[in-house]
Amino acid sequence: MPEFSFTSHPIEVIQWALETYPDLTMPSAFNINGVVLIDLAYKAGYRGEVIFVDTGYHFHETLQTRDALEARYPELKFVTLNAGLSNEDTQYQTDPDGCCAVRKVAPLQNYLAEKAPSALLNGRSRDQADTRKDIPFVEEGGKRVKINPLAYWDRCTLEAYVNAHDLPINPLYWDGFLSIGCWPCTRAVRPGEDARAGRWAGKGKTECGLWVGENTL
């Protein structure tokens, strides 16, 4: 692995990942990090899948953002997964961990088990939350390697990139929804809070289970 430093540009990391892991694939929830990563990956030569899990509880604006990105990058293959469950139950109120496990984690885990990629390209960054403060560019261990090209990019850098390249960001972001998940478990972030503070607020939960825990990707 090359000697990356905190000043290494994400495109440099992505290009290395494409050469090292030709079967690299990308899950995305189309938050600001994800949108920026899609653009950077495309510029670096990525032409693979962008995998989205539709839990049935996403904001309409999130689905609109997915459609806008699919139209902007026709050479990428946008894949939408779902668990095939009704969106009328209220499991998210009584068992948010179980809800995430069934509606978000399982569909993606099952898909990846079938596709068996050796590495995942994702948009996590250190400033999103305390649980992510130490992530490296290349994260080994677990079922597959995780490539985190935006590890050292902060909110100001992301927003500057979005504005410079006129990227289609979820409009809820500008209303304070700095990290957007399912509507029953997402609120706007308050001044002084980290970017993911609006996810599962008051539920004692900070991650959906995709990146930490026993079912991590």
N, C-alpha and C. Protein backbone atom coordinates (compact mmCIF):
# COMPACT_ATOMS: atom_id res chain seq x y z
N MET A 1 0.85 -1.19 0.00
CA MET A 1 0.00 0.00 0.00
C MET A 1 0.89 1.24 0.00
N PRO A 2 0.57 2.23 -0.82
CA PRO A 2 1.37 3.45 -0.85
C PRO A 2 1.28 4.21 0.47
N GLU A 3 2.22 5.11 0.67
CA GLU A 3 2.25 5.89 1.91
C GLU A 3 1.34 7.11 1.78
N PHE A 4 0.04 6.91 2.02
CA PHE A 4 -0.89 8.03 2.02
C PHE A 4 -0.68 8.86 3.28
N SER A 5 -0.96 10.17 3.17
CA SER A 5 -0.95 11.04 4.34
C SER A 5 -2.26 11.81 4.36
N PHE A 6 -2.49 12.58 5.43
CA PHE A 6 -3.75 13.31 5.54
C PHE A 6 -3.91 14.34 4.42
N THR A 7 -2.82 14.68 3.72
CA THR A 7 -2.91 15.62 2.60
C THR A 7 -3.17 14.92 1.27
N SER A 8 -3.17 13.60 1.25
CA SER A 8 -3.42 12.87 0.00
C SER A 8 -4.82 13.19 -0.52
N HIS A 9 -4.92 13.43 -1.83
CA HIS A 9 -6.22 13.76 -2.40
C HIS A 9 -7.07 12.49 -2.54
N PRO A 10 -8.37 12.59 -2.30
CA PRO A 10 -9.24 11.41 -2.44
C PRO A 10 -9.12 10.72 -3.79
N ILE A 11 -8.94 11.48 -4.87
CA ILE A 11 -8.83 10.85 -6.18
C ILE A 11 -7.61 9.94 -6.24
N GLU A 12 -6.53 10.34 -5.61
CA GLU A 12 -5.33 9.50 -5.56
C GLU A 12 -5.64 8.17 -4.85
N VAL A 13 -6.38 8.25 -3.76
CA VAL A 13 -6.76 7.04 -3.02
C VAL A 13 -7.66 6.16 -3.87
N ILE A 14 -8.63 6.76 -4.54
CA ILE A 14 -9.58 6.00 -5.36
C ILE A 14 -8.85 5.33 -6.53
N GLN A 15 -7.96 6.03 -7.17
CA GLN A 15 -7.23 5.45 -8.30
C GLN A 15 -6.40 4.25 -7.85
N TRP A 16 -5.76 4.39 -6.68
CA TRP A 16 -5.02 3.25 -6.13
C TRP A 16 -5.96 2.08 -5.87
N ALA A 17 -7.13 2.35 -5.29
CA ALA A 17 -8.09 1.30 -4.97
C ALA A 17 -8.59 0.60 -6.22
N LEU A 18 -8.83 1.36 -7.28
CA LEU A 18 -9.30 0.77 -8.54
C LEU A 18 -8.26 -0.17 -9.13
N GLU A 19 -7.01 0.20 -9.02
CA GLU A 19 -5.93 -0.65 -9.53
C GLU A 19 -5.72 -1.89 -8.66
N THR A 20 -5.89 -1.72 -7.36
CA THR A 20 -5.62 -2.80 -6.42
C THR A 20 -6.80 -3.76 -6.28
N TYR A 21 -8.02 -3.21 -6.35
CA TYR A 21 -9.24 -4.01 -6.20
C TYR A 21 -10.16 -3.75 -7.39
N PRO A 22 -9.94 -4.44 -8.51
CA PRO A 22 -10.75 -4.20 -9.72
C PRO A 22 -12.24 -4.44 -9.52
N ASP A 23 -12.60 -5.24 -8.50
CA ASP A 23 -14.02 -5.52 -8.24
C ASP A 23 -14.62 -4.56 -7.20
N LEU A 24 -13.93 -3.47 -6.95
CA LEU A 24 -14.38 -2.44 -6.01
C LEU A 24 -15.83 -2.05 -6.29
N THR A 25 -16.63 -1.91 -5.23
CA THR A 25 -18.01 -1.45 -5.40
C THR A 25 -18.34 -0.42 -4.33
N MET A 26 -19.44 0.31 -4.53
CA MET A 26 -19.74 1.46 -3.68
C MET A 26 -21.19 1.47 -3.17
N PRO A 27 -21.40 1.28 -1.86
CA PRO A 27 -22.72 1.55 -1.29
C PRO A 27 -22.86 3.04 -1.02
N SER A 28 -24.08 3.55 -1.06
CA SER A 28 -24.29 4.98 -0.81
C SER A 28 -25.69 5.24 -0.31
N ALA A 29 -25.81 6.24 0.58
CA ALA A 29 -27.11 6.71 1.04
C ALA A 29 -27.39 8.12 0.51
N PHE A 30 -26.47 8.63 -0.32
CA PHE A 30 -26.63 9.93 -1.01
C PHE A 30 -26.67 11.12 -0.06
N ASN A 31 -25.93 11.01 1.05
CA ASN A 31 -25.67 12.18 1.87
C ASN A 31 -24.58 13.00 1.19
N ILE A 32 -24.20 14.14 1.76
CA ILE A 32 -23.23 15.00 1.09
C ILE A 32 -21.92 14.26 0.85
N ASN A 33 -21.46 13.47 1.81
CA ASN A 33 -20.23 12.70 1.61
C ASN A 33 -20.38 11.74 0.45
N GLY A 34 -21.51 11.08 0.38
CA GLY A 34 -21.73 10.12 -0.68
C GLY A 34 -21.80 10.75 -2.05
N VAL A 35 -22.44 11.90 -2.14
CA VAL A 35 -22.54 12.59 -3.43
C VAL A 35 -21.17 13.05 -3.90
N VAL A 36 -20.39 13.63 -2.99
CA VAL A 36 -19.04 14.06 -3.34
C VAL A 36 -18.20 12.85 -3.75
N LEU A 37 -18.33 11.75 -3.04
CA LEU A 37 -17.55 10.55 -3.38
C LEU A 37 -17.92 10.03 -4.76
N ILE A 38 -19.19 10.03 -5.10
CA ILE A 38 -19.60 9.57 -6.43
C ILE A 38 -18.93 10.41 -7.51
N ASP A 39 -18.92 11.71 -7.34
CA ASP A 39 -18.31 12.59 -8.33
C ASP A 39 -16.80 12.35 -8.43
N LEU A 40 -16.13 12.25 -7.28
CA LEU A 40 -14.69 12.01 -7.28
C LEU A 40 -14.36 10.65 -7.87
N ALA A 41 -15.14 9.64 -7.53
CA ALA A 41 -14.89 8.29 -8.04
C ALA A 41 -15.07 8.26 -9.56
N TYR A 42 -16.10 8.92 -10.03
CA TYR A 42 -16.33 8.98 -11.48
C TYR A 42 -15.14 9.63 -12.18
N LYS A 43 -14.64 10.71 -11.62
CA LYS A 43 -13.50 11.40 -12.21
C LYS A 43 -12.22 10.56 -12.14
N ALA A 44 -12.16 9.68 -11.14
CA ALA A 44 -10.99 8.80 -10.99
C ALA A 44 -11.07 7.58 -11.91
N GLY A 45 -12.22 7.38 -12.56
CA GLY A 45 -12.36 6.27 -13.50
C GLY A 45 -13.29 5.16 -13.05
N TYR A 46 -13.96 5.34 -11.92
CA TYR A 46 -14.89 4.31 -11.44
C TYR A 46 -16.11 4.25 -12.34
N ARG A 47 -16.48 3.03 -12.76
CA ARG A 47 -17.66 2.82 -13.60
C ARG A 47 -18.48 1.64 -13.09
N GLY A 48 -18.42 1.40 -11.81
CA GLY A 48 -19.13 0.26 -11.23
C GLY A 48 -20.49 0.61 -10.69
N GLU A 49 -20.92 -0.14 -9.69
CA GLU A 49 -22.25 0.02 -9.11
C GLU A 49 -22.25 1.04 -7.98
N VAL A 50 -23.39 1.69 -7.83
CA VAL A 50 -23.68 2.52 -6.66
C VAL A 50 -24.91 1.88 -6.01
N ILE A 51 -24.72 1.30 -4.84
CA ILE A 51 -25.75 0.46 -4.23
C ILE A 51 -26.47 1.22 -3.12
N PHE A 52 -27.76 1.32 -3.25
CA PHE A 52 -28.61 2.05 -2.30
C PHE A 52 -29.63 1.09 -1.71
N VAL A 53 -29.81 1.13 -0.39
CA VAL A 53 -30.83 0.32 0.26
C VAL A 53 -32.03 1.20 0.59
N ASP A 54 -33.15 0.91 -0.05
CA ASP A 54 -34.39 1.65 0.21
C ASP A 54 -35.13 0.93 1.34
N THR A 55 -35.10 1.52 2.51
CA THR A 55 -35.71 0.89 3.69
C THR A 55 -37.24 0.99 3.68
N GLY A 56 -37.77 1.83 2.82
CA GLY A 56 -39.21 2.10 2.83
C GLY A 56 -39.55 3.32 3.66
N TYR A 57 -38.55 3.86 4.39
CA TYR A 57 -38.77 5.02 5.24
C TYR A 57 -37.93 6.22 4.84
N HIS A 58 -37.39 6.22 3.64
CA HIS A 58 -36.56 7.35 3.24
C HIS A 58 -37.40 8.58 2.93
N PHE A 59 -36.80 9.75 3.15
CA PHE A 59 -37.42 11.00 2.75
C PHE A 59 -37.59 11.00 1.22
N HIS A 60 -38.64 11.65 0.78
CA HIS A 60 -38.85 11.78 -0.67
C HIS A 60 -37.66 12.48 -1.31
N GLU A 61 -37.09 13.45 -0.59
CA GLU A 61 -35.95 14.20 -1.13
C GLU A 61 -34.74 13.29 -1.36
N THR A 62 -34.60 12.26 -0.55
CA THR A 62 -33.48 11.32 -0.75
C THR A 62 -33.66 10.55 -2.04
N LEU A 63 -34.86 10.10 -2.31
CA LEU A 63 -35.13 9.37 -3.54
C LEU A 63 -34.98 10.28 -4.77
N GLN A 64 -35.35 11.53 -4.61
CA GLN A 64 -35.15 12.49 -5.70
C GLN A 64 -33.66 12.71 -5.97
N THR A 65 -32.87 12.74 -4.91
CA THR A 65 -31.43 12.91 -5.06
C THR A 65 -30.83 11.71 -5.78
N ARG A 66 -31.27 10.52 -5.42
CA ARG A 66 -30.82 9.32 -6.14
C ARG A 66 -31.12 9.43 -7.62
N ASP A 67 -32.33 9.85 -7.97
CA ASP A 67 -32.72 9.94 -9.38
C ASP A 67 -31.89 11.00 -10.11
N ALA A 68 -31.60 12.12 -9.44
CA ALA A 68 -30.79 13.18 -10.05
C ALA A 68 -29.37 12.69 -10.31
N LEU A 69 -28.82 11.92 -9.38
CA LEU A 69 -27.47 11.39 -9.56
C LEU A 69 -27.43 10.35 -10.67
N GLU A 70 -28.45 9.53 -10.73
CA GLU A 70 -28.51 8.51 -11.79
C GLU A 70 -28.56 9.17 -13.17
N ALA A 71 -29.27 10.28 -13.27
CA ALA A 71 -29.34 11.00 -14.54
C ALA A 71 -28.02 11.69 -14.86
N ARG A 72 -27.31 12.15 -13.84
CA ARG A 72 -26.06 12.88 -14.05
C ARG A 72 -24.91 11.95 -14.43
N TYR A 73 -24.95 10.71 -13.92
CA TYR A 73 -23.86 9.76 -14.16
C TYR A 73 -24.39 8.50 -14.83
N PRO A 74 -24.79 8.59 -16.11
CA PRO A 74 -25.40 7.43 -16.77
C PRO A 74 -24.46 6.25 -16.95
N GLU A 75 -23.16 6.46 -16.83
CA GLU A 75 -22.22 5.34 -16.99
C GLU A 75 -22.04 4.53 -15.71
N LEU A 76 -22.59 5.02 -14.61
CA LEU A 76 -22.60 4.25 -13.38
C LEU A 76 -23.89 3.44 -13.30
N LYS A 77 -23.84 2.30 -12.65
CA LYS A 77 -25.03 1.46 -12.51
C LYS A 77 -25.60 1.63 -11.10
N PHE A 78 -26.73 2.30 -11.00
CA PHE A 78 -27.37 2.53 -9.71
C PHE A 78 -28.28 1.34 -9.39
N VAL A 79 -28.03 0.70 -8.27
CA VAL A 79 -28.77 -0.49 -7.84
C VAL A 79 -29.53 -0.15 -6.56
N THR A 80 -30.83 -0.37 -6.55
CA THR A 80 -31.64 -0.13 -5.35
C THR A 80 -32.11 -1.46 -4.79
N LEU A 81 -31.80 -1.69 -3.52
CA LEU A 81 -32.20 -2.91 -2.82
C LEU A 81 -33.29 -2.59 -1.81
N ASN A 82 -34.07 -3.59 -1.46
CA ASN A 82 -35.01 -3.43 -0.34
C ASN A 82 -35.33 -4.80 0.24
N ALA A 83 -35.87 -4.78 1.45
CA ALA A 83 -36.17 -6.03 2.15
C ALA A 83 -37.54 -6.58 1.78
N GLY A 84 -38.30 -5.84 0.98
CA GLY A 84 -39.63 -6.30 0.59
C GLY A 84 -40.64 -6.29 1.71
N LEU A 85 -40.44 -5.39 2.68
CA LEU A 85 -41.34 -5.32 3.83
C LEU A 85 -42.30 -4.14 3.73
N SER A 86 -43.43 -4.26 4.39
CA SER A 86 -44.38 -3.15 4.46
C SER A 86 -43.76 -2.00 5.25
N ASN A 87 -44.11 -0.78 4.86
CA ASN A 87 -43.61 0.38 5.62
C ASN A 87 -44.65 0.87 6.61
N GLU A 88 -45.60 0.00 6.96
CA GLU A 88 -46.66 0.40 7.89
C GLU A 88 -46.41 -0.07 9.32
N ASP A 89 -45.38 -0.89 9.56
CA ASP A 89 -45.13 -1.33 10.93
C ASP A 89 -44.39 -0.23 11.69
N THR A 90 -44.26 -0.39 12.98
CA THR A 90 -43.65 0.64 13.83
C THR A 90 -42.45 0.08 14.59
N GLN A 91 -41.74 -0.87 14.01
CA GLN A 91 -40.58 -1.47 14.68
C GLN A 91 -39.53 -0.41 15.02
N TYR A 92 -39.45 0.63 14.19
CA TYR A 92 -38.46 1.67 14.43
C TYR A 92 -38.68 2.38 15.77
N GLN A 93 -39.92 2.33 16.29
CA GLN A 93 -40.21 2.97 17.57
C GLN A 93 -39.78 2.11 18.74
N THR A 94 -39.94 0.81 18.62
CA THR A 94 -39.67 -0.08 19.74
C THR A 94 -38.33 -0.80 19.65
N ASP A 95 -37.80 -0.96 18.45
CA ASP A 95 -36.57 -1.72 18.26
C ASP A 95 -35.78 -1.15 17.07
N PRO A 96 -35.19 0.05 17.24
CA PRO A 96 -34.48 0.65 16.11
C PRO A 96 -33.31 -0.19 15.60
N ASP A 97 -32.62 -0.89 16.50
CA ASP A 97 -31.53 -1.76 16.06
C ASP A 97 -32.06 -2.87 15.16
N GLY A 98 -33.16 -3.48 15.59
CA GLY A 98 -33.76 -4.55 14.79
C GLY A 98 -34.28 -4.05 13.46
N CYS A 99 -34.84 -2.85 13.48
CA CYS A 99 -35.36 -2.25 12.24
C CYS A 99 -34.23 -2.04 11.24
N CYS A 100 -33.13 -1.46 11.70
CA CYS A 100 -31.97 -1.26 10.82
C CYS A 100 -31.43 -2.59 10.31
N ALA A 101 -31.37 -3.58 11.21
CA ALA A 101 -30.80 -4.88 10.84
C ALA A 101 -31.60 -5.54 9.73
N VAL A 102 -32.92 -5.44 9.81
CA VAL A 102 -33.78 -6.11 8.83
C VAL A 102 -33.90 -5.31 7.54
N ARG A 103 -34.09 -4.00 7.67
CA ARG A 103 -34.41 -3.19 6.51
C ARG A 103 -33.19 -2.63 5.78
N LYS A 104 -32.08 -2.46 6.48
CA LYS A 104 -30.92 -1.83 5.85
C LYS A 104 -29.71 -2.77 5.75
N VAL A 105 -29.34 -3.35 6.88
CA VAL A 105 -28.13 -4.17 6.90
C VAL A 105 -28.30 -5.46 6.12
N ALA A 106 -29.37 -6.19 6.37
CA ALA A 106 -29.56 -7.50 5.73
C ALA A 106 -29.61 -7.42 4.20
N PRO A 107 -30.39 -6.50 3.61
CA PRO A 107 -30.41 -6.46 2.14
C PRO A 107 -29.04 -6.22 1.53
N LEU A 108 -28.25 -5.33 2.15
CA LEU A 108 -26.93 -5.05 1.60
C LEU A 108 -25.98 -6.21 1.85
N GLN A 109 -26.02 -6.80 3.04
CA GLN A 109 -25.16 -7.94 3.33
C GLN A 109 -25.45 -9.09 2.38
N ASN A 110 -26.71 -9.35 2.12
CA ASN A 110 -27.08 -10.45 1.22
C ASN A 110 -26.60 -10.18 -0.20
N TYR A 111 -26.74 -8.95 -0.63
CA TYR A 111 -26.30 -8.59 -1.98
C TYR A 111 -24.78 -8.72 -2.11
N LEU A 112 -24.07 -8.23 -1.11
CA LEU A 112 -22.61 -8.30 -1.15
C LEU A 112 -22.11 -9.74 -1.03
N ALA A 113 -22.84 -10.56 -0.29
CA ALA A 113 -22.46 -11.98 -0.19
C ALA A 113 -22.54 -12.64 -1.56
N GLU A 114 -23.53 -12.24 -2.34
CA GLU A 114 -23.70 -12.79 -3.69
C GLU A 114 -22.65 -12.25 -4.65
N LYS A 115 -22.38 -10.94 -4.58
CA LYS A 115 -21.42 -10.31 -5.50
C LYS A 115 -19.97 -10.56 -5.08
N ALA A 116 -19.74 -10.70 -3.79
CA ALA A 116 -18.43 -10.99 -3.20
C ALA A 116 -17.32 -10.03 -3.63
N PRO A 117 -17.53 -8.71 -3.52
CA PRO A 117 -16.42 -7.78 -3.82
C PRO A 117 -15.36 -7.86 -2.73
N SER A 118 -14.11 -7.61 -3.12
CA SER A 118 -13.03 -7.66 -2.14
C SER A 118 -12.88 -6.35 -1.38
N ALA A 119 -13.46 -5.27 -1.90
CA ALA A 119 -13.32 -3.97 -1.24
C ALA A 119 -14.54 -3.10 -1.50
N LEU A 120 -14.82 -2.21 -0.54
CA LEU A 120 -15.95 -1.28 -0.63
C LEU A 120 -15.43 0.15 -0.59
N LEU A 121 -15.94 0.96 -1.49
CA LEU A 121 -15.65 2.39 -1.53
C LEU A 121 -16.78 3.10 -0.80
N ASN A 122 -16.46 3.89 0.22
CA ASN A 122 -17.54 4.54 0.97
C ASN A 122 -17.13 5.94 1.40
N GLY A 123 -18.12 6.74 1.81
CA GLY A 123 -17.91 8.16 2.04
C GLY A 123 -17.72 8.57 3.49
N ARG A 124 -17.44 7.66 4.39
CA ARG A 124 -17.27 8.04 5.80
C ARG A 124 -16.08 8.99 5.99
N SER A 125 -16.21 9.91 6.94
CA SER A 125 -15.11 10.84 7.25
C SER A 125 -14.99 10.98 8.76
N ARG A 126 -13.83 11.41 9.19
CA ARG A 126 -13.51 11.46 10.61
C ARG A 126 -14.36 12.47 11.39
N ASP A 127 -14.78 13.53 10.74
CA ASP A 127 -15.48 14.58 11.49
C ASP A 127 -16.99 14.33 11.60
N GLN A 128 -17.48 13.21 11.06
CA GLN A 128 -18.91 12.95 11.11
C GLN A 128 -19.41 12.63 12.51
N ALA A 129 -18.61 11.88 13.26
CA ALA A 129 -19.03 11.46 14.60
C ALA A 129 -17.84 10.89 15.35
N ASP A 130 -17.99 10.78 16.65
CA ASP A 130 -16.92 10.24 17.49
C ASP A 130 -16.59 8.80 17.11
N THR A 131 -17.59 8.06 16.65
CA THR A 131 -17.38 6.66 16.27
C THR A 131 -16.52 6.54 15.02
N ARG A 132 -16.26 7.66 14.33
CA ARG A 132 -15.52 7.61 13.07
C ARG A 132 -14.23 8.44 13.11
N LYS A 133 -13.83 8.89 14.30
CA LYS A 133 -12.75 9.86 14.41
C LYS A 133 -11.38 9.33 14.04
N ASP A 134 -11.23 8.01 13.93
CA ASP A 134 -9.92 7.42 13.65
C ASP A 134 -9.87 6.63 12.35
N ILE A 135 -10.90 6.71 11.52
CA ILE A 135 -10.88 5.86 10.33
C ILE A 135 -9.74 6.26 9.39
N PRO A 136 -9.06 5.27 8.82
CA PRO A 136 -7.97 5.52 7.88
C PRO A 136 -8.48 5.52 6.44
N PHE A 137 -7.58 5.84 5.51
CA PHE A 137 -7.95 5.74 4.10
C PHE A 137 -8.29 4.29 3.73
N VAL A 138 -7.50 3.37 4.24
CA VAL A 138 -7.68 1.95 3.92
C VAL A 138 -7.88 1.19 5.23
N GLU A 139 -9.04 0.57 5.35
CA GLU A 139 -9.45 -0.09 6.58
C GLU A 139 -9.54 -1.60 6.33
N GLU A 140 -8.60 -2.33 6.88
CA GLU A 140 -8.55 -3.77 6.66
C GLU A 140 -9.20 -4.51 7.81
N GLY A 141 -9.47 -5.79 7.58
CA GLY A 141 -10.14 -6.59 8.59
C GLY A 141 -11.61 -6.76 8.27
N GLY A 142 -12.24 -7.74 8.88
CA GLY A 142 -13.64 -8.00 8.58
C GLY A 142 -13.79 -8.78 7.29
N LYS A 143 -14.96 -8.68 6.71
CA LYS A 143 -15.27 -9.45 5.51
C LYS A 143 -14.55 -8.94 4.27
N ARG A 144 -14.27 -7.64 4.24
CA ARG A 144 -13.64 -7.05 3.05
C ARG A 144 -12.97 -5.73 3.42
N VAL A 145 -12.10 -5.25 2.56
CA VAL A 145 -11.39 -4.00 2.79
C VAL A 145 -12.35 -2.83 2.57
N LYS A 146 -12.27 -1.81 3.43
CA LYS A 146 -13.06 -0.60 3.26
C LYS A 146 -12.14 0.55 2.85
N ILE A 147 -12.47 1.20 1.76
CA ILE A 147 -11.70 2.34 1.25
C ILE A 147 -12.45 3.61 1.61
N ASN A 148 -11.79 4.51 2.36
CA ASN A 148 -12.42 5.73 2.87
C ASN A 148 -11.71 6.97 2.33
N PRO A 149 -11.90 7.32 1.06
CA PRO A 149 -11.14 8.42 0.46
C PRO A 149 -11.38 9.78 1.11
N LEU A 150 -12.54 9.96 1.75
CA LEU A 150 -12.88 11.26 2.35
C LEU A 150 -12.55 11.31 3.84
N ALA A 151 -11.74 10.39 4.31
CA ALA A 151 -11.46 10.29 5.75
C ALA A 151 -11.09 11.62 6.38
N TYR A 152 -10.31 12.44 5.67
CA TYR A 152 -9.80 13.69 6.25
C TYR A 152 -10.52 14.95 5.76
N TRP A 153 -11.57 14.79 4.97
CA TRP A 153 -12.30 15.96 4.50
C TRP A 153 -13.35 16.35 5.53
N ASP A 154 -13.40 17.65 5.85
CA ASP A 154 -14.39 18.12 6.81
C ASP A 154 -15.59 18.72 6.06
N ARG A 155 -16.55 19.19 6.85
CA ARG A 155 -17.78 19.72 6.27
C ARG A 155 -17.53 20.89 5.33
N CYS A 156 -16.64 21.80 5.72
CA CYS A 156 -16.36 22.97 4.88
C CYS A 156 -15.76 22.56 3.54
N THR A 157 -14.89 21.58 3.56
CA THR A 157 -14.27 21.10 2.32
C THR A 157 -15.30 20.45 1.41
N LEU A 158 -16.17 19.66 2.01
CA LEU A 158 -17.23 19.00 1.24
C LEU A 158 -18.16 20.03 0.60
N GLU A 159 -18.59 21.00 1.39
CA GLU A 159 -19.51 22.02 0.86
C GLU A 159 -18.85 22.85 -0.23
N ALA A 160 -17.58 23.16 -0.07
CA ALA A 160 -16.86 23.92 -1.09
C ALA A 160 -16.80 23.12 -2.39
N TYR A 161 -16.58 21.81 -2.27
CA TYR A 161 -16.52 20.96 -3.47
C TYR A 161 -17.89 20.89 -4.15
N VAL A 162 -18.93 20.73 -3.35
CA VAL A 162 -20.29 20.68 -3.89
C VAL A 162 -20.61 21.96 -4.67
N ASN A 163 -20.30 23.10 -4.09
CA ASN A 163 -20.61 24.38 -4.72
C ASN A 163 -19.75 24.61 -5.97
N ALA A 164 -18.49 24.19 -5.92
CA ALA A 164 -17.61 24.38 -7.06
C ALA A 164 -18.02 23.54 -8.26
N HIS A 165 -18.65 22.39 -7.99
CA HIS A 165 -18.99 21.47 -9.08
C HIS A 165 -20.50 21.33 -9.28
N ASP A 166 -21.28 22.16 -8.58
CA ASP A 166 -22.73 22.20 -8.76
C ASP A 166 -23.35 20.80 -8.65
N LEU A 167 -23.05 20.12 -7.55
CA LEU A 167 -23.54 18.75 -7.37
C LEU A 167 -24.96 18.75 -6.81
N PRO A 168 -25.76 17.75 -7.17
CA PRO A 168 -27.15 17.66 -6.69
C PRO A 168 -27.23 17.10 -5.28
N ILE A 169 -27.24 17.98 -4.31
CA ILE A 169 -27.28 17.58 -2.90
C ILE A 169 -28.73 17.48 -2.42
N ASN A 170 -28.98 16.54 -1.53
CA ASN A 170 -30.30 16.44 -0.90
C ASN A 170 -30.67 17.80 -0.30
N PRO A 171 -31.78 18.40 -0.71
CA PRO A 171 -32.12 19.75 -0.22
C PRO A 171 -32.30 19.82 1.29
N LEU A 172 -32.58 18.70 1.93
CA LEU A 172 -32.71 18.70 3.39
C LEU A 172 -31.39 19.05 4.08
N TYR A 173 -30.29 18.82 3.39
CA TYR A 173 -28.99 19.13 3.99
C TYR A 173 -28.91 20.60 4.38
N TRP A 174 -29.37 21.47 3.50
CA TRP A 174 -29.27 22.91 3.75
C TRP A 174 -30.25 23.37 4.83
N ASP A 175 -31.16 22.48 5.25
CA ASP A 175 -32.07 22.77 6.35
C ASP A 175 -31.55 22.20 7.68
N GLY A 176 -30.29 21.76 7.68
CA GLY A 176 -29.69 21.27 8.91
C GLY A 176 -29.65 19.76 9.07
N PHE A 177 -30.14 19.04 8.08
CA PHE A 177 -30.08 17.58 8.13
C PHE A 177 -28.74 17.15 7.54
N LEU A 178 -27.71 17.19 8.38
CA LEU A 178 -26.35 16.97 7.90
C LEU A 178 -26.06 15.50 7.62
N SER A 179 -26.83 14.62 8.21
CA SER A 179 -26.75 13.19 7.91
C SER A 179 -28.18 12.68 7.85
N ILE A 180 -28.56 12.16 6.70
CA ILE A 180 -29.98 11.88 6.45
C ILE A 180 -30.20 10.38 6.31
N GLY A 181 -31.00 9.83 7.22
CA GLY A 181 -31.37 8.43 7.15
C GLY A 181 -32.87 8.31 6.92
N CYS A 182 -33.51 7.44 7.65
CA CYS A 182 -34.96 7.27 7.53
C CYS A 182 -35.69 8.40 8.27
N TRP A 183 -36.84 8.80 7.74
CA TRP A 183 -37.52 9.97 8.32
C TRP A 183 -37.96 9.77 9.77
N PRO A 184 -38.36 8.55 10.22
CA PRO A 184 -38.79 8.46 11.62
C PRO A 184 -37.63 8.64 12.62
N CYS A 185 -36.40 8.43 12.16
CA CYS A 185 -35.25 8.44 13.08
C CYS A 185 -34.21 9.50 12.72
N THR A 186 -34.60 10.53 12.00
CA THR A 186 -33.65 11.58 11.62
C THR A 186 -34.25 12.95 11.91
N ARG A 187 -33.45 13.80 12.53
CA ARG A 187 -33.85 15.20 12.76
C ARG A 187 -32.70 16.11 12.32
N ALA A 188 -32.98 17.39 12.23
CA ALA A 188 -31.94 18.37 11.91
C ALA A 188 -30.93 18.43 13.05
N VAL A 189 -29.69 18.75 12.71
CA VAL A 189 -28.62 18.87 13.70
C VAL A 189 -28.69 20.26 14.34
N ARG A 190 -28.46 20.30 15.64
CA ARG A 190 -28.48 21.56 16.37
C ARG A 190 -27.08 22.18 16.42
N PRO A 191 -26.98 23.49 16.63
CA PRO A 191 -25.67 24.14 16.69
C PRO A 191 -24.74 23.45 17.69
N GLY A 192 -23.51 23.17 17.25
CA GLY A 192 -22.53 22.55 18.12
C GLY A 192 -22.52 21.04 18.11
N GLU A 193 -23.53 20.43 17.49
CA GLU A 193 -23.58 18.97 17.41
C GLU A 193 -22.78 18.47 16.21
N ASP A 194 -22.35 17.19 16.28
CA ASP A 194 -21.65 16.63 15.13
C ASP A 194 -22.65 16.27 14.05
N ALA A 195 -22.13 15.93 12.89
CA ALA A 195 -22.97 15.75 11.71
C ALA A 195 -23.98 14.62 11.84
N ARG A 196 -23.70 13.64 12.68
CA ARG A 196 -24.60 12.49 12.81
C ARG A 196 -25.46 12.55 14.07
N ALA A 197 -25.46 13.68 14.76
CA ALA A 197 -26.21 13.79 16.00
C ALA A 197 -27.72 13.70 15.78
N GLY A 198 -28.17 13.96 14.56
CA GLY A 198 -29.59 13.89 14.26
C GLY A 198 -30.08 12.51 13.90
N ARG A 199 -29.20 11.53 13.92
CA ARG A 199 -29.58 10.16 13.59
C ARG A 199 -29.90 9.40 14.88
N TRP A 200 -31.10 8.84 14.97
CA TRP A 200 -31.55 8.06 16.13
C TRP A 200 -31.41 8.85 17.44
N ALA A 201 -31.64 10.15 17.38
CA ALA A 201 -31.51 10.99 18.57
C ALA A 201 -32.41 10.48 19.69
N GLY A 202 -31.83 10.35 20.88
CA GLY A 202 -32.59 9.89 22.04
C GLY A 202 -32.80 8.40 22.11
N LYS A 203 -32.25 7.66 21.15
CA LYS A 203 -32.45 6.21 21.12
C LYS A 203 -31.21 5.44 21.55
N GLY A 204 -30.15 6.16 21.99
CA GLY A 204 -28.94 5.48 22.43
C GLY A 204 -28.25 4.74 21.31
N LYS A 205 -28.33 5.26 20.11
CA LYS A 205 -27.83 4.57 18.92
C LYS A 205 -27.13 5.59 18.03
N THR A 206 -25.96 5.24 17.49
CA THR A 206 -25.22 6.17 16.64
C THR A 206 -24.88 5.59 15.27
N GLU A 207 -25.01 4.27 15.10
CA GLU A 207 -24.68 3.62 13.83
C GLU A 207 -25.78 2.63 13.47
N CYS A 208 -25.97 2.42 12.16
CA CYS A 208 -27.02 1.50 11.72
C CYS A 208 -26.60 0.04 11.84
N GLY A 209 -25.29 -0.20 11.88
CA GLY A 209 -24.80 -1.57 11.94
C GLY A 209 -24.04 -2.01 10.70
N LEU A 210 -23.96 -1.14 9.70
CA LEU A 210 -23.22 -1.48 8.48
C LEU A 210 -21.71 -1.41 8.71
N TRP A 211 -21.27 -0.46 9.53
CA TRP A 211 -19.83 -0.20 9.65
C TRP A 211 -19.24 -0.59 10.99
N VAL A 212 -20.07 -0.83 11.98
CA VAL A 212 -19.59 -1.29 13.28
C VAL A 212 -20.52 -2.39 13.79
N GLY A 213 -20.00 -3.24 14.67
CA GLY A 213 -20.82 -4.32 15.23
C GLY A 213 -20.56 -5.65 14.58
N GLU A 214 -21.29 -6.64 15.02
CA GLU A 214 -21.01 -8.01 14.58
C GLU A 214 -21.39 -8.27 13.13
N ASN A 215 -22.27 -7.44 12.57
CA ASN A 215 -22.68 -7.61 11.17
C ASN A 215 -22.03 -6.61 10.23
N THR A 216 -20.91 -6.01 10.68
CA THR A 216 -20.25 -5.00 9.87
C THR A 216 -19.90 -5.50 8.48
N LEU A 217 -19.94 -4.57 7.52
CA LEU A 217 -19.59 -4.92 6.16
C LEU A 217 -18.11 -5.31 6.06
